[in-house]
Amino acid sequence: MKIVISGIGKVGGALTELLSREGHDITLIDRSAPLVDEAVNRYDVLGIVGNGANISVQKDADVPRCDFFISVATTDEINIMSCTVARALGARHTVARVRNPEYYMQADFMMQNLGIGMIVNPELEAAFEIERIVRFPAALKVQHFSKRQMELVELKIGKDNPLAGMRLSELRGKPGHNIIVCAVQRGDQVIIPSGDFVIESGDNIHITAAHDQMLSLFRTLHLQNKKIKSVMLIGGGNISYYLARRLTRLGISVKIIELSRERCEYLSGELSKSAIICGDGTDSELLTEEGVDGTDACVALTDNDEENILVSLFAATRKVDKTITKINRMSFLELMPKLGYEGSIISPVNATAAHILTYIRATENAVGSNLNVLYKIVDNKAEVAEFTVTEAFVGTGIPLKDLTLKKNLIIAGIIRKNDLIHPDGATDIRPSDRVIIVTTNEGIHDLDDVLA
């Protein structure tokens, strides 16, 4: 497909990398000539220097004939205007990144009246992700499928974890272990495990199960899942704004530490149930003075990855039960385990890029299924996708043992009506089922693509 991306920032770069791997015809637009030159050389794509909202620039980028126009420039206004122009010129689909809470509240109006196909808010998506982790603090990450009927949880296997040394075939069927281990990160290696795979201490495993089964597993493993009652947020940006609103509704005490006095005044007016502290959240003395030792969770949300890492490492030394770190640079994502960090990591950039990628794949001509959800996991080295099966799926009604699936792929769950099925060889796939797959293969656009 022909895709035009306006804005070569963090999200634009992540999107370009994901989409170029899938072989799409990509053109980039940005005001910065050095950024355009660097992206063109790195990703082997076309580049245009200019304002993405300018009609002549969009024509030079061949926007009138593109399948997708995606605007992820610095300002919301430019993104909204760029998509409006692109739609008027003939772009089939448009995507705008909108961060301002006031604008995002009008998302439905903009999509209905301005022709914008999708509006994505990275900060709100990040707040949702953090909230899920706060609700399930024993996990590193928590993601939901099919209206919360199935959960995908990332778990670190410590030395004393009963799962260490266990073969997956032994795990299946144990009381309280009605789960599927669908992906394992072992060092730099990502493994889609089979039944003879043995879990080792130090592994990061990804588990799928219904919520009650997940809770049962955590109880069986004696993992701490103490309810979080107080949270300290470092940085008062939009993620903190959205997150504080959601957490206080859950009865959780929230304290935000923000350096900008002007921003503190704004937050104080908008978040009456949260404590707003004006100060440097990277100052260990201030953190101690404000009670980091007694808080249940510390979430580092500044715009600086290095500061977030340092704050989280400091909080871990103060025995804070749960630390969550916002990081966008891929090199830092890979560095954290080597620093001995055992808390949760979120990447709004990667989450946003995956969210847009879901929309792109879902609008392609699906044959045997419709794509509902797509998540990237293990530093973008694997993906989890949920498909709704149509009558056209060529594997309908055939037991899984008689289907030849691609290597490095597992069917992690099937939702049939309101029931979660953990599939085995005798399970078949039926129309209207929602099928969740996990794979390290790229470009699974349709359920038919899982077949070898």
Protein backbone atom coordinates (compact mmCIF):
# COMPACT_ATOMS: atom_id res chain seq x y z
CA MET A 1 0.00 0.00 0.00
CA LYS A 2 0.98 3.61 -0.52
CA ILE A 3 1.40 5.38 2.84
CA VAL A 4 2.38 8.99 3.52
CA ILE A 5 3.61 9.92 7.02
CA SER A 6 3.87 13.57 8.03
CA GLY A 7 6.23 14.15 10.95
CA ILE A 8 9.48 12.25 11.54
CA GLY A 9 9.55 12.36 15.31
CA LYS A 10 9.62 9.37 17.63
CA VAL A 11 6.22 8.03 16.55
CA GLY A 12 6.87 8.77 12.88
CA GLY A 13 10.18 6.94 13.05
CA ALA A 14 8.70 3.93 14.84
CA LEU A 15 5.86 3.75 12.32
CA THR A 16 8.24 4.00 9.39
CA GLU A 17 10.32 1.15 10.77
CA LEU A 18 7.29 -1.11 11.33
CA LEU A 19 5.64 -0.35 7.99
CA SER A 20 8.82 -0.52 5.91
CA ARG A 21 9.42 -4.06 7.22
CA GLU A 22 6.07 -5.06 5.74
CA GLY A 23 7.01 -3.79 2.30
CA HIS A 24 4.69 -0.79 2.03
CA ASP A 25 5.45 2.12 -0.32
CA ILE A 26 6.23 4.94 2.16
CA THR A 27 6.77 8.67 1.67
CA LEU A 28 7.81 10.90 4.58
CA ILE A 29 7.15 14.62 5.03
CA ASP A 30 8.95 16.85 7.52
CA ARG A 31 10.14 20.45 7.77
CA SER A 32 13.63 19.31 8.80
CA ALA A 33 15.86 18.42 5.83
CA PRO A 34 18.41 16.57 8.05
CA LEU A 35 15.65 14.41 9.56
CA VAL A 36 14.27 13.61 6.11
CA ASP A 37 17.72 12.71 4.75
CA GLU A 38 18.47 10.48 7.74
CA ALA A 39 15.12 8.64 7.48
CA VAL A 40 15.45 8.18 3.72
CA ASN A 41 18.90 6.63 4.13
CA ARG A 42 17.91 4.47 7.10
CA TYR A 43 14.60 3.07 5.84
CA ASP A 44 15.00 3.32 2.05
CA VAL A 45 11.84 5.40 1.62
CA LEU A 46 10.95 8.60 -0.23
CA GLY A 47 11.19 11.94 1.55
CA ILE A 48 9.73 15.43 1.04
CA VAL A 49 10.91 18.53 2.94
CA GLY A 50 8.02 20.84 3.81
CA ASN A 51 4.89 21.53 5.83
CA GLY A 52 2.62 18.48 5.91
CA ALA A 53 -0.48 20.72 5.93
CA ASN A 54 0.55 22.48 2.71
CA ILE A 55 -1.47 21.46 -0.35
CA SER A 56 1.46 21.67 -2.76
CA VAL A 57 3.68 19.61 -0.43
CA GLN A 58 1.00 16.94 -0.16
CA LYS A 59 0.64 16.87 -3.93
CA ASP A 60 4.43 16.44 -4.27
CA ALA A 61 4.11 13.47 -1.90
CA ASP A 62 1.33 12.05 -4.11
CA VAL A 63 -1.19 12.19 -1.25
CA PRO A 64 -4.17 12.24 -3.69
CA ARG A 65 -3.34 8.64 -4.63
CA CYS A 66 -2.26 7.32 -1.22
CA ASP A 67 -4.07 4.64 0.77
CA PHE A 68 -3.16 6.14 4.16
CA PHE A 69 -2.11 9.62 5.22
CA ILE A 70 -0.79 9.68 8.81
CA SER A 71 0.02 12.96 10.54
CA VAL A 72 2.12 12.68 13.70
CA ALA A 73 3.74 16.12 13.62
CA THR A 74 4.52 18.11 16.77
CA THR A 75 1.25 20.04 17.12
CA ASP A 76 -2.34 18.83 17.17
CA GLU A 77 -3.51 21.69 14.98
CA ILE A 78 -1.09 20.75 12.20
CA ASN A 79 -2.14 17.10 12.41
CA ILE A 80 -5.84 17.92 12.22
CA MET A 81 -5.36 20.38 9.35
CA SER A 82 -3.05 18.01 7.47
CA CYS A 83 -5.59 15.18 7.61
CA THR A 84 -8.41 17.48 6.52
CA VAL A 85 -6.38 18.60 3.49
CA ALA A 86 -5.31 15.05 2.68
CA ARG A 87 -8.89 13.78 2.76
CA ALA A 88 -10.02 16.61 0.50
CA LEU A 89 -7.23 15.76 -1.96
CA GLY A 90 -8.37 12.14 -2.14
CA ALA A 91 -6.43 10.14 0.46
CA ARG A 92 -8.45 6.99 1.22
CA HIS A 93 -7.78 6.95 4.97
CA THR A 94 -6.34 9.50 7.37
CA VAL A 95 -4.89 9.22 10.89
CA ALA A 96 -4.16 12.14 13.23
CA ARG A 97 -2.29 12.17 16.52
CA VAL A 98 -4.13 14.44 18.96
CA ARG A 99 -2.69 14.98 22.44
CA ASN A 100 -4.57 17.96 23.88
CA PRO A 101 -7.34 16.67 26.19
CA GLU A 102 -9.68 19.46 25.03
CA TYR A 103 -9.25 18.50 21.38
CA TYR A 104 -9.43 14.78 22.09
CA MET A 105 -12.83 15.23 23.74
CA GLN A 106 -14.04 16.33 20.29
CA ALA A 107 -12.61 13.28 18.50
CA ASP A 108 -16.01 11.93 17.41
CA PHE A 109 -16.96 15.30 15.92
CA MET A 110 -13.67 15.54 14.00
CA MET A 111 -13.96 12.03 12.62
CA GLN A 112 -17.57 12.56 11.53
CA ASN A 113 -17.21 16.05 10.10
CA LEU A 114 -13.58 16.47 9.06
CA GLY A 115 -13.11 13.11 7.37
CA ILE A 116 -10.43 11.88 9.78
CA GLY A 117 -10.56 8.09 9.92
CA MET A 118 -8.68 7.61 13.19
CA ILE A 119 -7.56 9.85 16.02
CA VAL A 120 -4.93 8.44 18.36
CA ASN A 121 -3.84 9.84 21.71
CA PRO A 122 -0.50 8.35 22.91
CA GLU A 123 -0.77 9.80 26.40
CA LEU A 124 -4.26 8.40 26.97
CA GLU A 125 -3.21 4.98 25.69
CA ALA A 126 -0.23 5.07 28.08
CA ALA A 127 -2.52 5.99 30.98
CA PHE A 128 -4.75 2.98 30.19
CA GLU A 129 -1.69 0.70 30.16
CA ILE A 130 -0.41 2.02 33.50
CA GLU A 131 -3.84 1.69 35.07
CA ARG A 132 -3.94 -2.00 34.09
CA ILE A 133 -0.56 -2.53 35.74
CA VAL A 134 -1.64 -0.70 38.89
CA ARG A 135 -4.68 -2.98 39.12
CA PHE A 136 -2.44 -6.07 38.76
CA PRO A 137 0.87 -4.99 40.35
CA ALA A 138 2.51 -8.43 40.46
CA ALA A 139 2.74 -8.38 36.65
CA LEU A 140 5.14 -6.41 34.48
CA LYS A 141 2.47 -5.77 31.85
CA VAL A 142 -1.23 -6.54 31.47
CA GLN A 143 -3.24 -6.41 28.24
CA HIS A 144 -6.86 -7.32 27.63
CA PHE A 145 -8.63 -9.03 24.75
CA SER A 146 -12.26 -9.54 23.83
CA LYS A 147 -13.82 -7.19 26.38
CA ARG A 148 -11.57 -8.45 29.20
CA GLN A 149 -12.51 -12.09 28.63
CA MET A 150 -8.82 -12.93 28.23
CA GLU A 151 -5.71 -11.35 29.71
CA LEU A 152 -2.13 -11.37 28.50
CA VAL A 153 0.29 -10.93 31.40
CA GLU A 154 4.07 -10.59 31.37
CA LEU A 155 5.76 -12.17 34.39
CA LYS A 156 9.38 -12.31 35.52
CA ILE A 157 10.47 -15.76 36.72
CA GLY A 158 12.60 -15.38 39.84
CA LYS A 159 14.85 -18.01 41.41
CA ASP A 160 12.20 -19.08 43.92
CA ASN A 161 9.32 -19.18 41.42
CA PRO A 162 7.72 -22.68 41.35
CA LEU A 163 7.54 -22.47 37.55
CA ALA A 164 11.34 -22.39 37.22
CA GLY A 165 12.48 -25.76 35.90
CA MET A 166 8.97 -26.83 34.91
CA ARG A 167 8.20 -28.26 31.48
CA LEU A 168 5.17 -26.64 29.83
CA SER A 169 3.55 -30.02 29.18
CA GLU A 170 3.66 -30.58 32.98
CA LEU A 171 2.18 -27.16 33.68
CA ARG A 172 -0.89 -27.66 31.50
CA GLY A 173 -3.72 -29.25 33.43
CA LYS A 174 -2.36 -28.62 36.93
CA PRO A 175 -5.03 -27.27 39.31
CA GLY A 176 -5.03 -23.48 39.12
CA HIS A 177 -2.78 -23.55 36.04
CA ASN A 178 -5.36 -23.36 33.24
CA ILE A 179 -3.10 -21.06 31.27
CA ILE A 180 -1.00 -20.91 28.11
CA VAL A 181 2.60 -19.68 28.07
CA CYS A 182 2.65 -18.15 24.61
CA ALA A 183 5.99 -16.30 24.45
CA VAL A 184 9.24 -16.29 26.40
CA GLN A 185 12.05 -13.75 26.43
CA ARG A 186 15.35 -15.33 27.46
CA GLY A 187 18.11 -12.76 27.25
CA ASP A 188 17.98 -11.36 23.72
CA GLN A 189 16.12 -14.41 22.42
CA VAL A 190 12.35 -14.54 21.86
CA ILE A 191 10.82 -18.02 21.89
CA ILE A 192 7.35 -19.23 20.93
CA PRO A 193 7.44 -22.34 23.14
CA SER A 194 6.21 -25.86 22.50
CA GLY A 195 5.12 -28.42 25.11
CA ASP A 196 8.65 -29.68 25.79
CA PHE A 197 9.96 -26.18 26.59
CA VAL A 198 11.40 -25.80 30.11
CA ILE A 199 10.97 -22.49 31.96
CA GLU A 200 14.17 -21.15 33.54
CA SER A 201 14.90 -18.62 36.25
CA GLY A 202 15.38 -15.19 34.66
CA ASP A 203 12.88 -15.79 31.85
CA ASN A 204 10.20 -13.23 31.09
CA ILE A 205 7.11 -15.24 30.21
CA HIS A 206 3.88 -14.07 28.58
CA ILE A 207 0.77 -15.90 29.82
CA THR A 208 -2.79 -15.92 28.51
CA ALA A 209 -5.72 -16.85 30.74
CA ALA A 210 -9.11 -15.70 31.95
CA HIS A 211 -8.90 -13.17 34.78
CA ASP A 212 -9.99 -15.59 37.53
CA GLN A 213 -7.49 -18.21 36.31
CA MET A 214 -4.75 -15.58 36.30
CA LEU A 215 -5.55 -14.64 39.90
CA SER A 216 -5.56 -18.32 40.85
CA LEU A 217 -2.13 -18.79 39.26
CA PHE A 218 -0.68 -15.83 41.14
CA ARG A 219 -2.08 -17.14 44.42
CA THR A 220 -0.62 -20.58 43.70
CA LEU A 221 2.77 -19.02 42.97
CA HIS A 222 2.55 -16.91 46.15
CA LEU A 223 3.27 -13.79 44.14
CA GLN A 224 2.70 -10.46 45.81
CA ASN A 225 -0.40 -8.79 44.42
CA LYS A 226 -1.02 -6.28 47.21
CA LYS A 227 -3.62 -3.73 46.30
CA ILE A 228 -2.07 -0.37 45.47
CA LYS A 229 -3.53 2.46 47.52
CA SER A 230 -1.07 5.30 46.86
CA VAL A 231 0.81 6.36 43.71
CA MET A 232 3.49 9.00 43.16
CA LEU A 233 3.70 10.38 39.62
CA ILE A 234 6.95 12.08 38.56
CA GLY A 235 6.19 14.60 35.82
CA GLY A 236 2.94 16.44 35.27
CA GLY A 237 2.38 15.93 31.55
CA ASN A 238 -0.76 14.66 29.85
CA ILE A 239 -0.13 11.04 30.88
CA SER A 240 -0.16 12.09 34.53
CA TYR A 241 -3.29 14.16 33.90
CA TYR A 242 -5.21 11.26 32.37
CA LEU A 243 -3.83 8.72 34.85
CA ALA A 244 -4.59 10.80 37.96
CA ARG A 245 -8.20 11.22 36.87
CA ARG A 246 -8.61 7.48 36.43
CA LEU A 247 -6.77 6.41 39.58
CA THR A 248 -8.58 8.81 41.92
CA ARG A 249 -11.89 7.41 40.66
CA LEU A 250 -10.64 4.04 41.92
CA GLY A 251 -10.03 5.51 45.36
CA ILE A 252 -6.24 5.57 44.94
CA SER A 253 -4.31 8.45 46.52
CA VAL A 254 -2.27 10.33 43.86
CA LYS A 255 0.61 12.75 44.32
CA ILE A 256 2.15 14.50 41.27
CA ILE A 257 5.58 16.15 41.35
CA GLU A 258 6.08 18.64 38.49
CA LEU A 259 8.86 21.20 37.94
CA SER A 260 6.87 23.84 36.01
CA ARG A 261 4.92 26.18 38.30
CA GLU A 262 2.55 27.10 35.48
CA ARG A 263 1.77 23.43 34.82
CA CYS A 264 1.28 22.83 38.56
CA GLU A 265 -1.29 25.61 38.69
CA TYR A 266 -3.14 24.07 35.75
CA LEU A 267 -3.11 20.59 37.32
CA SER A 268 -4.25 21.97 40.68
CA GLY A 269 -7.29 23.47 38.97
CA GLU A 270 -8.12 20.31 37.01
CA LEU A 271 -7.24 17.59 39.53
CA SER A 272 -8.80 18.61 42.82
CA LYS A 273 -8.47 15.09 44.29
CA SER A 274 -4.71 14.86 43.65
CA ALA A 275 -1.83 16.46 45.57
CA ILE A 276 0.30 18.63 43.27
CA ILE A 277 3.89 19.35 44.37
CA CYS A 278 5.97 21.93 42.52
CA GLY A 279 9.57 20.70 42.46
CA ASP A 280 12.21 18.59 40.74
CA GLY A 281 11.04 14.99 40.72
CA THR A 282 14.59 13.78 40.06
CA ASP A 283 15.80 15.25 43.37
CA SER A 284 16.19 12.31 45.77
CA GLU A 285 15.87 14.57 48.81
CA LEU A 286 12.56 15.93 47.56
CA LEU A 287 11.27 12.43 46.81
CA THR A 288 12.19 11.29 50.30
CA GLU A 289 10.64 14.40 51.83
CA GLU A 290 7.40 13.79 49.90
CA GLY A 291 7.15 10.22 51.15
CA VAL A 292 8.40 7.99 48.34
CA ASP A 293 9.36 5.42 51.00
CA GLY A 294 5.74 4.96 52.02
CA THR A 295 4.10 4.99 48.59
CA ASP A 296 2.88 1.77 46.97
CA ALA A 297 3.87 2.71 43.42
CA CYS A 298 6.15 5.25 41.75
CA VAL A 299 5.58 6.10 38.07
CA ALA A 300 8.30 8.06 36.23
CA LEU A 301 6.65 10.08 33.44
CA THR A 302 8.95 12.98 32.56
CA ASP A 303 9.86 13.74 28.94
CA ASN A 304 13.41 12.56 29.56
CA ASP A 305 14.14 8.82 29.40
CA GLU A 306 17.35 9.11 31.42
CA GLU A 307 15.58 10.95 34.25
CA ASN A 308 12.80 8.36 34.31
CA ILE A 309 15.33 5.54 34.59
CA LEU A 310 17.20 7.22 37.45
CA VAL A 311 13.99 7.99 39.36
CA SER A 312 12.78 4.40 39.05
CA LEU A 313 16.12 2.94 40.09
CA PHE A 314 16.12 5.24 43.12
CA ALA A 315 12.55 4.30 44.02
CA ALA A 316 13.51 0.62 43.81
CA THR A 317 16.28 1.21 46.38
CA ARG A 318 13.66 2.72 48.71
CA LYS A 319 11.70 -0.56 48.57
CA VAL A 320 8.75 0.90 46.65
CA ASP A 321 6.59 -2.14 45.83
CA LYS A 322 5.89 -1.17 42.22
CA THR A 323 7.89 1.02 39.85
CA ILE A 324 6.74 1.94 36.33
CA THR A 325 9.04 3.72 33.88
CA LYS A 326 8.14 5.55 30.68
CA ILE A 327 10.80 5.00 28.01
CA ASN A 328 10.67 5.71 24.28
CA ARG A 329 14.20 5.08 23.03
CA MET A 330 14.61 1.46 21.92
CA SER A 331 18.24 1.35 23.06
CA PHE A 332 17.11 2.12 26.62
CA LEU A 333 14.38 -0.50 26.47
CA GLU A 334 17.03 -3.13 25.79
CA LEU A 335 19.35 -1.69 28.45
CA MET A 336 16.97 -1.81 31.43
CA PRO A 337 17.25 -5.55 32.23
CA LYS A 338 21.04 -5.24 32.16
CA LEU A 339 20.78 -2.55 34.84
CA GLY A 340 18.95 -5.01 37.07
CA TYR A 341 15.65 -3.12 36.78
CA GLU A 342 12.71 -5.42 37.57
CA GLY A 343 9.83 -2.95 37.34
CA SER A 344 7.40 -2.28 34.51
CA ILE A 345 8.27 -0.34 31.37
CA ILE A 346 5.84 1.45 29.10
CA SER A 347 6.55 2.99 25.70
CA PRO A 348 3.84 5.37 24.42
CA VAL A 349 5.71 5.61 21.12
CA ASN A 350 5.63 1.87 20.46
CA ALA A 351 2.05 1.55 21.71
CA THR A 352 0.89 4.35 19.39
CA ALA A 353 2.72 2.91 16.39
CA ALA A 354 1.15 -0.52 17.04
CA HIS A 355 -2.29 1.08 17.45
CA ILE A 356 -2.00 2.77 14.05
CA LEU A 357 -0.64 -0.44 12.52
CA THR A 358 -3.76 -2.25 13.77
CA TYR A 359 -5.95 0.28 11.96
CA ILE A 360 -3.97 -0.10 8.74
CA ARG A 361 -4.11 -3.89 8.76
CA ALA A 362 -7.79 -3.92 9.75
CA THR A 363 -8.75 -1.78 6.75
CA GLU A 364 -6.98 -4.02 4.28
CA ASN A 365 -9.04 -6.57 2.39
CA ALA A 366 -9.33 -9.34 5.00
CA VAL A 367 -10.40 -12.70 3.59
CA GLY A 368 -10.82 -15.19 6.41
CA SER A 369 -11.05 -12.82 9.37
CA ASN A 370 -11.23 -9.28 10.68
CA LEU A 371 -8.36 -7.89 12.79
CA ASN A 372 -9.64 -6.48 16.09
CA VAL A 373 -6.52 -5.83 18.18
CA LEU A 374 -2.77 -5.87 17.63
CA TYR A 375 -0.13 -5.60 20.36
CA LYS A 376 3.64 -5.56 19.98
CA ILE A 377 5.48 -7.31 22.79
CA VAL A 378 9.08 -8.10 23.75
CA ASP A 379 10.52 -4.83 22.40
CA ASN A 380 8.57 -5.19 19.11
CA LYS A 381 10.12 -8.63 18.45
CA ALA A 382 6.76 -10.43 18.64
CA GLU A 383 3.13 -9.52 18.18
CA VAL A 384 -0.22 -10.59 19.56
CA ALA A 385 -3.26 -10.26 17.32
CA GLU A 386 -6.96 -10.92 17.80
CA PHE A 387 -9.05 -11.89 14.75
CA THR A 388 -12.78 -12.46 14.34
CA VAL A 389 -13.26 -15.48 12.07
CA THR A 390 -15.43 -15.20 8.95
CA GLU A 391 -17.05 -17.96 6.89
CA ALA A 392 -14.22 -17.57 4.37
CA PHE A 393 -11.46 -18.84 6.69
CA VAL A 394 -10.02 -21.92 4.98
CA GLY A 395 -9.35 -23.70 8.28
CA THR A 396 -12.94 -23.60 9.57
CA GLY A 397 -14.05 -26.78 11.32
CA ILE A 398 -10.67 -28.53 11.06
CA PRO A 399 -8.96 -29.71 14.29
CA LEU A 400 -5.81 -27.73 14.98
CA LYS A 401 -3.72 -30.91 14.89
CA ASP A 402 -4.70 -31.28 11.22
CA LEU A 403 -3.76 -27.69 10.33
CA THR A 404 -0.20 -26.82 9.39
CA LEU A 405 0.60 -23.59 11.19
CA LYS A 406 3.60 -21.43 10.44
CA LYS A 407 6.63 -21.88 12.65
CA ASN A 408 7.14 -19.50 15.56
CA LEU A 409 3.38 -19.06 15.99
CA ILE A 410 0.92 -20.21 18.63
CA ILE A 411 -2.85 -19.93 19.00
CA ALA A 412 -3.05 -18.57 22.53
CA GLY A 413 -6.80 -18.53 23.00
CA ILE A 414 -10.20 -18.75 21.34
CA ILE A 415 -13.22 -16.81 22.55
CA ARG A 416 -16.42 -18.62 21.55
CA LYS A 417 -19.51 -16.68 22.54
CA ASN A 418 -18.60 -15.78 26.13
CA ASP A 419 -16.28 -18.69 26.85
CA LEU A 420 -12.47 -18.71 26.73
CA ILE A 421 -11.07 -21.89 25.21
CA HIS A 422 -7.43 -22.87 25.76
CA PRO A 423 -6.95 -24.74 22.49
CA ASP A 424 -5.40 -28.17 22.09
CA GLY A 425 -5.01 -30.42 19.07
CA ALA A 426 -8.68 -31.41 19.04
CA THR A 427 -9.97 -27.82 19.09
CA ASP A 428 -11.35 -26.42 15.83
CA ILE A 429 -11.94 -22.82 14.74
CA ARG A 430 -15.47 -21.75 13.85
CA PRO A 431 -17.05 -18.68 12.24
CA SER A 432 -17.56 -15.80 14.71
CA ASP A 433 -14.83 -17.13 17.00
CA ARG A 434 -12.30 -14.57 18.20
CA VAL A 435 -8.87 -16.11 17.84
CA ILE A 436 -5.77 -14.74 19.59
CA ILE A 437 -2.40 -15.60 18.05
CA VAL A 438 1.16 -14.85 19.18
CA THR A 439 4.03 -14.91 16.70
CA THR A 440 7.47 -13.61 15.87
CA ASN A 441 6.56 -13.67 12.16
CA GLU A 442 5.91 -10.31 10.54
CA GLY A 443 2.93 -9.31 8.44
CA ILE A 444 0.14 -11.54 9.78
CA HIS A 445 -2.69 -9.50 8.28
CA ASP A 446 -5.38 -12.18 8.18
CA LEU A 447 -6.08 -15.45 9.95
CA ASP A 448 -5.34 -17.30 6.71
CA ASP A 449 -1.78 -16.00 7.10
CA VAL A 450 -1.19 -18.30 10.11
CA LEU A 451 -1.26 -21.34 7.82
CA ALA A 452 1.98 -22.59 6.29
